Structure formats: C-alpha cells, structure tokens
C-alpha cells in the first residue's frame, strides 16, 4: 500500500520520456505522493516544483 522510491527523475519538461534518474540514498514511502515529492526535493536539495504548490491549493480548496 502506498508509494515508495529511492530515486528522483529529473526531466527537462513535463514529459517523463527523457531525463535523468538520481539516487537519493534513502527510501521514501507513504500514501501521500505529493508529500513524497516534497521530501525527495528537500533531501536532494532541489527547488520545489511549482506544481506542488498548485496541487496543495487545490487540495485545500476541495477538502
């Protein structure tokens, strides 16, 4: 149950067909894939993608 990963995929655009996979050195697991994305960005010291804030706004609006 839930998702899990130990790598982050970086793509030059929104399409997941080309890009680079980066090992993060730990496993991320949980039911909230947006929270997993945030934590992976934090650990990798990468900026938070703008879509995360947009999804969070939609969640607050519809909850």
PDB file of N, CA and C in Angstrom:
ATOM      1  N   UNK A   1       0.835  -1.170   0.000  1.00  0.00           N
ATOM      2  CA  UNK A   1       0.000   0.000   0.000  1.00  0.00           C
ATOM      3  C   UNK A   1       0.884   1.240   0.000  1.00  0.00           C
ATOM      4  N   UNK A   2       0.486   2.251  -0.740  1.00  0.00           N
ATOM      5  CA  UNK A   2       1.262   3.483  -0.789  1.00  0.00           C
ATOM      6  C   UNK A   2       2.383   3.385  -1.799  1.00  0.00           C
ATOM      7  N   UNK A   3       3.052   4.472  -1.994  1.00  0.00           N
ATOM      8  CA  UNK A   3       4.154   4.517  -2.946  1.00  0.00           C
ATOM      9  C   UNK A   3       5.482   4.517  -2.226  1.00  0.00           C
ATOM     10  N   UNK A   4       6.508   4.227  -2.954  1.00  0.00           N
ATOM     11  CA  UNK A   4       7.838   4.266  -2.387  1.00  0.00           C
ATOM     12  C   UNK A   4       8.864   4.394  -3.489  1.00  0.00           C
ATOM     13  N   UNK A   5       9.964   5.029  -3.176  1.00  0.00           N
ATOM     14  CA  UNK A   5      11.017   5.182  -4.180  1.00  0.00           C
ATOM     15  C   UNK A   5      12.336   5.488  -3.485  1.00  0.00           C
ATOM     16  N   UNK A   6      13.425   5.336  -4.216  1.00  0.00           N
ATOM     17  CA  UNK A   6      14.736   5.718  -3.710  1.00  0.00           C
ATOM     18  C   UNK A   6      15.503   6.550  -4.735  1.00  0.00           C
ATOM     19  N   UNK A   7      14.809   6.982  -5.796  1.00  0.00           N
ATOM     20  CA  UNK A   7      15.429   7.767  -6.862  1.00  0.00           C
ATOM     21  C   UNK A   7      14.501   8.909  -7.241  1.00  0.00           C
ATOM     22  N   UNK A   8      15.082   9.943  -7.803  1.00  0.00           N
ATOM     23  CA  UNK A   8      14.278  11.045  -8.315  1.00  0.00           C
ATOM     24  C   UNK A   8      14.553  11.175  -9.804  1.00  0.00           C
ATOM     25  N   UNK A   9      13.506  11.416 -10.563  1.00  0.00           N
ATOM     26  CA  UNK A   9      13.620  11.563 -12.012  1.00  0.00           C
ATOM     27  C   UNK A   9      13.514  13.037 -12.362  1.00  0.00           C
ATOM     28  N   UNK A  10      14.530  13.555 -13.040  1.00  0.00           N
ATOM     29  CA  UNK A  10      14.544  14.947 -13.479  1.00  0.00           C
ATOM     30  C   UNK A  10      14.339  14.985 -14.980  1.00  0.00           C
ATOM     31  N   UNK A  11      13.345  15.743 -15.408  1.00  0.00           N
ATOM     32  CA  UNK A  11      13.002  15.847 -16.823  1.00  0.00           C
ATOM     33  C   UNK A  11      13.061  17.309 -17.243  1.00  0.00           C
ATOM     34  N   UNK A  12      13.499  17.592 -18.466  1.00  0.00           N
ATOM     35  CA  UNK A  12      13.561  18.986 -18.923  1.00  0.00           C
ATOM     36  C   UNK A  12      12.180  19.604 -19.133  1.00  0.00           C
ATOM     37  N   UNK A  13      11.145  18.791 -19.182  1.00  0.00           N
ATOM     38  CA  UNK A  13       9.778  19.292 -19.330  1.00  0.00           C
ATOM     39  C   UNK A  13       8.845  18.350 -18.563  1.00  0.00           C
ATOM     40  N   UNK A  14       7.587  18.474 -18.769  1.00  0.00           N
ATOM     41  CA  UNK A  14       6.612  17.677 -18.025  1.00  0.00           C
ATOM     42  C   UNK A  14       6.500  16.240 -18.512  1.00  0.00           C
ATOM     43  N   UNK A  15       7.115  15.926 -19.636  1.00  0.00           N
ATOM     44  CA  UNK A  15       7.025  14.577 -20.194  1.00  0.00           C
ATOM     45  C   UNK A  15       8.060  13.655 -19.530  1.00  0.00           C
ATOM     46  N   UNK A  16       7.638  12.497 -19.043  1.00  0.00           N
ATOM     47  CA  UNK A  16       8.589  11.601 -18.378  1.00  0.00           C
ATOM     48  C   UNK A  16       9.324  10.658 -19.325  1.00  0.00           C
ATOM     49  N   UNK A  17       9.472  11.041 -20.599  1.00  0.00           N
ATOM     50  CA  UNK A  17      10.116  10.131 -21.551  1.00  0.00           C
ATOM     51  C   UNK A  17      11.619  10.360 -21.677  1.00  0.00           C
ATOM     52  N   UNK A  18      12.110  11.517 -21.261  1.00  0.00           N
ATOM     53  CA  UNK A  18      13.542  11.812 -21.323  1.00  0.00           C
ATOM     54  C   UNK A  18      13.933  12.519 -20.042  1.00  0.00           C
ATOM     55  N   UNK A  19      15.085  12.169 -19.545  1.00  0.00           N
ATOM     56  CA  UNK A  19      15.531  12.814 -18.327  1.00  0.00           C
ATOM     57  C   UNK A  19      16.639  12.024 -17.672  1.00  0.00           C
ATOM     58  N   UNK A  20      16.826  12.304 -16.391  1.00  0.00           N
ATOM     59  CA  UNK A  20      17.924  11.716 -15.646  1.00  0.00           C
ATOM     60  C   UNK A  20      17.397  11.200 -14.309  1.00  0.00           C
ATOM     61  N   UNK A  21      17.816  10.012 -13.933  1.00  0.00           N
ATOM     62  CA  UNK A  21      17.434   9.421 -12.658  1.00  0.00           C
ATOM     63  C   UNK A  21      18.579   9.617 -11.668  1.00  0.00           C
ATOM     64  N   UNK A  22      18.248  10.103 -10.477  1.00  0.00           N
ATOM     65  CA  UNK A  22      19.259  10.396  -9.464  1.00  0.00           C
ATOM     66  C   UNK A  22      18.974   9.555  -8.219  1.00  0.00           C
ATOM     67  N   UNK A  23      19.996   8.843  -7.732  1.00  0.00           N
ATOM     68  CA  UNK A  23      19.857   8.092  -6.480  1.00  0.00           C
ATOM     69  C   UNK A  23      19.843   9.078  -5.321  1.00  0.00           C
ATOM     70  N   UNK A  24      18.906   8.902  -4.389  1.00  0.00           N
ATOM     71  CA  UNK A  24      18.779   9.823  -3.262  1.00  0.00           C
ATOM     72  C   UNK A  24      19.389   9.282  -1.972  1.00  0.00           C
ATOM     73  N   UNK A  25      19.766   8.019  -1.953  1.00  0.00           N
ATOM     74  CA  UNK A  25      20.440   7.473  -0.790  1.00  0.00           C
ATOM     75  C   UNK A  25      19.523   7.063   0.351  1.00  0.00           C
ATOM     76  N   UNK A  26      18.231   7.146   0.151  1.00  0.00           N
ATOM     77  CA  UNK A  26      17.282   6.656   1.141  1.00  0.00           C
ATOM     78  C   UNK A  26      15.971   6.327   0.446  1.00  0.00           C
ATOM     79  N   UNK A  27      15.145   5.559   1.117  1.00  0.00           N
ATOM     80  CA  UNK A  27      13.859   5.160   0.549  1.00  0.00           C
ATOM     81  C   UNK A  27      12.770   6.055   1.119  1.00  0.00           C
ATOM     82  N   UNK A  28      11.905   6.526   0.241  1.00  0.00           N
ATOM     83  CA  UNK A  28      10.761   7.348   0.627  1.00  0.00           C
ATOM     84  C   UNK A  28       9.517   6.501   0.433  1.00  0.00           C
ATOM     85  N   UNK A  29       8.676   6.449   1.445  1.00  0.00           N
ATOM     86  CA  UNK A  29       7.485   5.616   1.355  1.00  0.00           C
ATOM     87  C   UNK A  29       6.331   6.311   2.057  1.00  0.00           C
ATOM     88  N   UNK A  30       5.146   6.164   1.494  1.00  0.00           N
ATOM     89  CA  UNK A  30       3.964   6.735   2.117  1.00  0.00           C
ATOM     90  C   UNK A  30       2.785   6.732   1.176  1.00  0.00           C
ATOM     91  N   UNK A  31       1.643   7.158   1.695  1.00  0.00           N
ATOM     92  CA  UNK A  31       0.410   7.190   0.910  1.00  0.00           C
ATOM     93  C   UNK A  31       0.209   8.510   0.180  1.00  0.00           C
ATOM     94  N   UNK A  32       0.892   9.562   0.599  1.00  0.00           N
ATOM     95  CA  UNK A  32       0.723  10.893   0.011  1.00  0.00           C
ATOM     96  C   UNK A  32       1.878  11.153  -0.962  1.00  0.00           C
ATOM     97  N   UNK A  33       1.616  10.964  -2.252  1.00  0.00           N
ATOM     98  CA  UNK A  33       2.682  11.097  -3.250  1.00  0.00           C
ATOM     99  C   UNK A  33       3.211  12.524  -3.347  1.00  0.00           C
ATOM    100  N   UNK A  34       2.389  13.517  -3.034  1.00  0.00           N
ATOM    101  CA  UNK A  34       2.855  14.904  -3.050  1.00  0.00           C
ATOM    102  C   UNK A  34       3.840  15.133  -1.902  1.00  0.00           C
ATOM    103  N   UNK A  35       3.542  14.594  -0.739  1.00  0.00           N
ATOM    104  CA  UNK A  35       4.469  14.692   0.391  1.00  0.00           C
ATOM    105  C   UNK A  35       5.779  13.976   0.073  1.00  0.00           C
ATOM    106  N   UNK A  36       5.692  12.850  -0.628  1.00  0.00           N
ATOM    107  CA  UNK A  36       6.908  12.137  -1.038  1.00  0.00           C
ATOM    108  C   UNK A  36       7.740  12.987  -1.988  1.00  0.00           C
ATOM    109  N   UNK A  37       7.086  13.644  -2.933  1.00  0.00           N
ATOM    110  CA  UNK A  37       7.795  14.536  -3.860  1.00  0.00           C
ATOM    111  C   UNK A  37       8.496  15.657  -3.107  1.00  0.00           C
ATOM    112  N   UNK A  38       7.791  16.266  -2.167  1.00  0.00           N
ATOM    113  CA  UNK A  38       8.377  17.366  -1.377  1.00  0.00           C
ATOM    114  C   UNK A  38       9.618  16.893  -0.616  1.00  0.00           C
ATOM    115  N   UNK A  39       9.508  15.747   0.040  1.00  0.00           N
ATOM    116  CA  UNK A  39      10.627  15.231   0.825  1.00  0.00           C
ATOM    117  C   UNK A  39      11.807  14.861  -0.073  1.00  0.00           C
ATOM    118  N   UNK A  40      11.542  14.277  -1.228  1.00  0.00           N
ATOM    119  CA  UNK A  40      12.627  13.939  -2.162  1.00  0.00           C
ATOM    120  C   UNK A  40      13.346  15.203  -2.628  1.00  0.00           C
ATOM    121  N   UNK A  41      12.608  16.256  -2.918  1.00  0.00           N
ATOM    122  CA  UNK A  41      13.230  17.526  -3.323  1.00  0.00           C
ATOM    123  C   UNK A  41      14.069  18.100  -2.188  1.00  0.00           C
ATOM    124  N   UNK A  42      13.536  18.027  -0.963  1.00  0.00           N
ATOM    125  CA  UNK A  42      14.269  18.554   0.190  1.00  0.00           C
ATOM    126  C   UNK A  42      15.586  17.805   0.384  1.00  0.00           C
ATOM    127  N   UNK A  43      15.530  16.469   0.351  1.00  0.00           N
ATOM    128  CA  UNK A  43      16.728  15.655   0.550  1.00  0.00           C
ATOM    129  C   UNK A  43      17.742  15.889  -0.565  1.00  0.00           C
ATOM    130  N   UNK A  44      17.262  16.005  -1.802  1.00  0.00           N
ATOM    131  CA  UNK A  44      18.157  16.218  -2.946  1.00  0.00           C
ATOM    132  C   UNK A  44      18.613  17.671  -3.059  1.00  0.00           C
ATOM    133  N   UNK A  45      18.104  18.531  -2.179  1.00  0.00           N
ATOM    134  CA  UNK A  45      18.432  19.961  -2.186  1.00  0.00           C
ATOM    135  C   UNK A  45      18.108  20.590  -3.536  1.00  0.00           C
ATOM    136  N   UNK A  46      16.919  20.240  -4.040  1.00  0.00           N
ATOM    137  CA  UNK A  46      16.422  20.796  -5.294  1.00  0.00           C
ATOM    138  C   UNK A  46      15.258  21.726  -4.990  1.00  0.00           C
ATOM    139  N   UNK A  47      15.026  22.713  -5.839  1.00  0.00           N
ATOM    140  CA  UNK A  47      13.875  23.590  -5.617  1.00  0.00           C
ATOM    141  C   UNK A  47      12.569  22.810  -5.744  1.00  0.00           C
ATOM    142  N   UNK A  48      11.579  23.253  -5.007  1.00  0.00           N
ATOM    143  CA  UNK A  48      10.265  22.621  -5.080  1.00  0.00           C
ATOM    144  C   UNK A  48       9.618  22.976  -6.414  1.00  0.00           C
ATOM    145  N   UNK A  49       9.137  21.993  -7.160  1.00  0.00           N
ATOM    146  CA  UNK A  49       8.440  22.281  -8.417  1.00  0.00           C
ATOM    147  C   UNK A  49       7.164  23.080  -8.148  1.00  0.00           C
ATOM    148  N   UNK A  50       6.830  23.963  -9.049  1.00  0.00           N
ATOM    149  CA  UNK A  50       5.656  24.821  -8.862  1.00  0.00           C
ATOM    150  C   UNK A  50       4.365  24.014  -8.795  1.00  0.00           C
ATOM    151  N   UNK A  51       4.325  22.853  -9.427  1.00  0.00           N
ATOM    152  CA  UNK A  51       3.089  22.076  -9.412  1.00  0.00           C
ATOM    153  C   UNK A  51       2.724  21.603  -8.006  1.00  0.00           C
ATOM    154  N   UNK A  52       3.709  21.477  -7.109  1.00  0.00           N
ATOM    155  CA  UNK A  52       3.396  21.029  -5.754  1.00  0.00           C
ATOM    156  C   UNK A  52       2.523  22.050  -5.029  1.00  0.00           C
ATOM    157  N   UNK A  53       2.850  23.322  -5.157  1.00  0.00           N
ATOM    158  CA  UNK A  53       2.045  24.373  -4.526  1.00  0.00           C
ATOM    159  C   UNK A  53       0.660  24.439  -5.157  1.00  0.00           C
ATOM    160  N   UNK A  54       0.588  24.252  -6.454  1.00  0.00           N
ATOM    161  CA  UNK A  54      -0.708  24.288  -7.139  1.00  0.00           C
ATOM    162  C   UNK A  54      -1.603  23.141  -6.674  1.00  0.00           C
ATOM    163  N   UNK A  55      -1.036  21.958  -6.536  1.00  0.00           N
ATOM    164  CA  UNK A  55      -1.809  20.810  -6.057  1.00  0.00           C
ATOM    165  C   UNK A  55      -2.256  21.045  -4.617  1.00  0.00           C
ATOM    166  N   UNK A  56      -1.380  21.602  -3.796  1.00  0.00           N
ATOM    167  CA  UNK A  56      -1.731  21.882  -2.403  1.00  0.00           C
ATOM    168  C   UNK A  56      -2.894  22.871  -2.317  1.00  0.00           C
ATOM    169  N   UNK A  57      -2.894  23.883  -3.161  1.00  0.00           N
ATOM    170  CA  UNK A  57      -4.004  24.844  -3.195  1.00  0.00           C
ATOM    171  C   UNK A  57      -5.309  24.149  -3.580  1.00  0.00           C
ATOM    172  N   UNK A  58      -5.249  23.271  -4.574  1.00  0.00           N
ATOM    173  CA  UNK A  58      -6.450  22.533  -4.979  1.00  0.00           C
ATOM    174  C   UNK A  58      -6.948  21.630  -3.855  1.00  0.00           C
ATOM    175  N   UNK A  59      -6.037  20.993  -3.151  1.00  0.00           N
ATOM    176  CA  UNK A  59      -6.421  20.130  -2.035  1.00  0.00           C
ATOM    177  C   UNK A  59      -7.160  20.932  -0.962  1.00  0.00           C
ATOM    178  N   UNK A  60      -6.623  22.101  -0.625  1.00  0.00           N
ATOM    179  CA  UNK A  60      -7.247  22.931   0.404  1.00  0.00           C
ATOM    180  C   UNK A  60      -8.614  23.417  -0.056  1.00  0.00           C
ATOM    181  N   UNK A  61      -8.718  23.761  -1.317  1.00  0.00           N
ATOM    182  CA  UNK A  61      -9.975  24.275  -1.853  1.00  0.00           C
ATOM    183  C   UNK A  61     -11.071  23.211  -1.847  1.00  0.00           C
ATOM    184  N   UNK A  62     -10.709  21.978  -2.165  1.00  0.00           N
ATOM    185  CA  UNK A  62     -11.695  20.909  -2.305  1.00  0.00           C
ATOM    186  C   UNK A  62     -11.827  20.012  -1.077  1.00  0.00           C
ATOM    187  N   UNK A  63     -11.130  20.338   0.001  1.00  0.00           N
ATOM    188  CA  UNK A  63     -11.253  19.477   1.196  1.00  0.00           C
ATOM    189  C   UNK A  63     -12.213  20.060   2.209  1.00  0.00           C
TER     190      UNK A  63
END
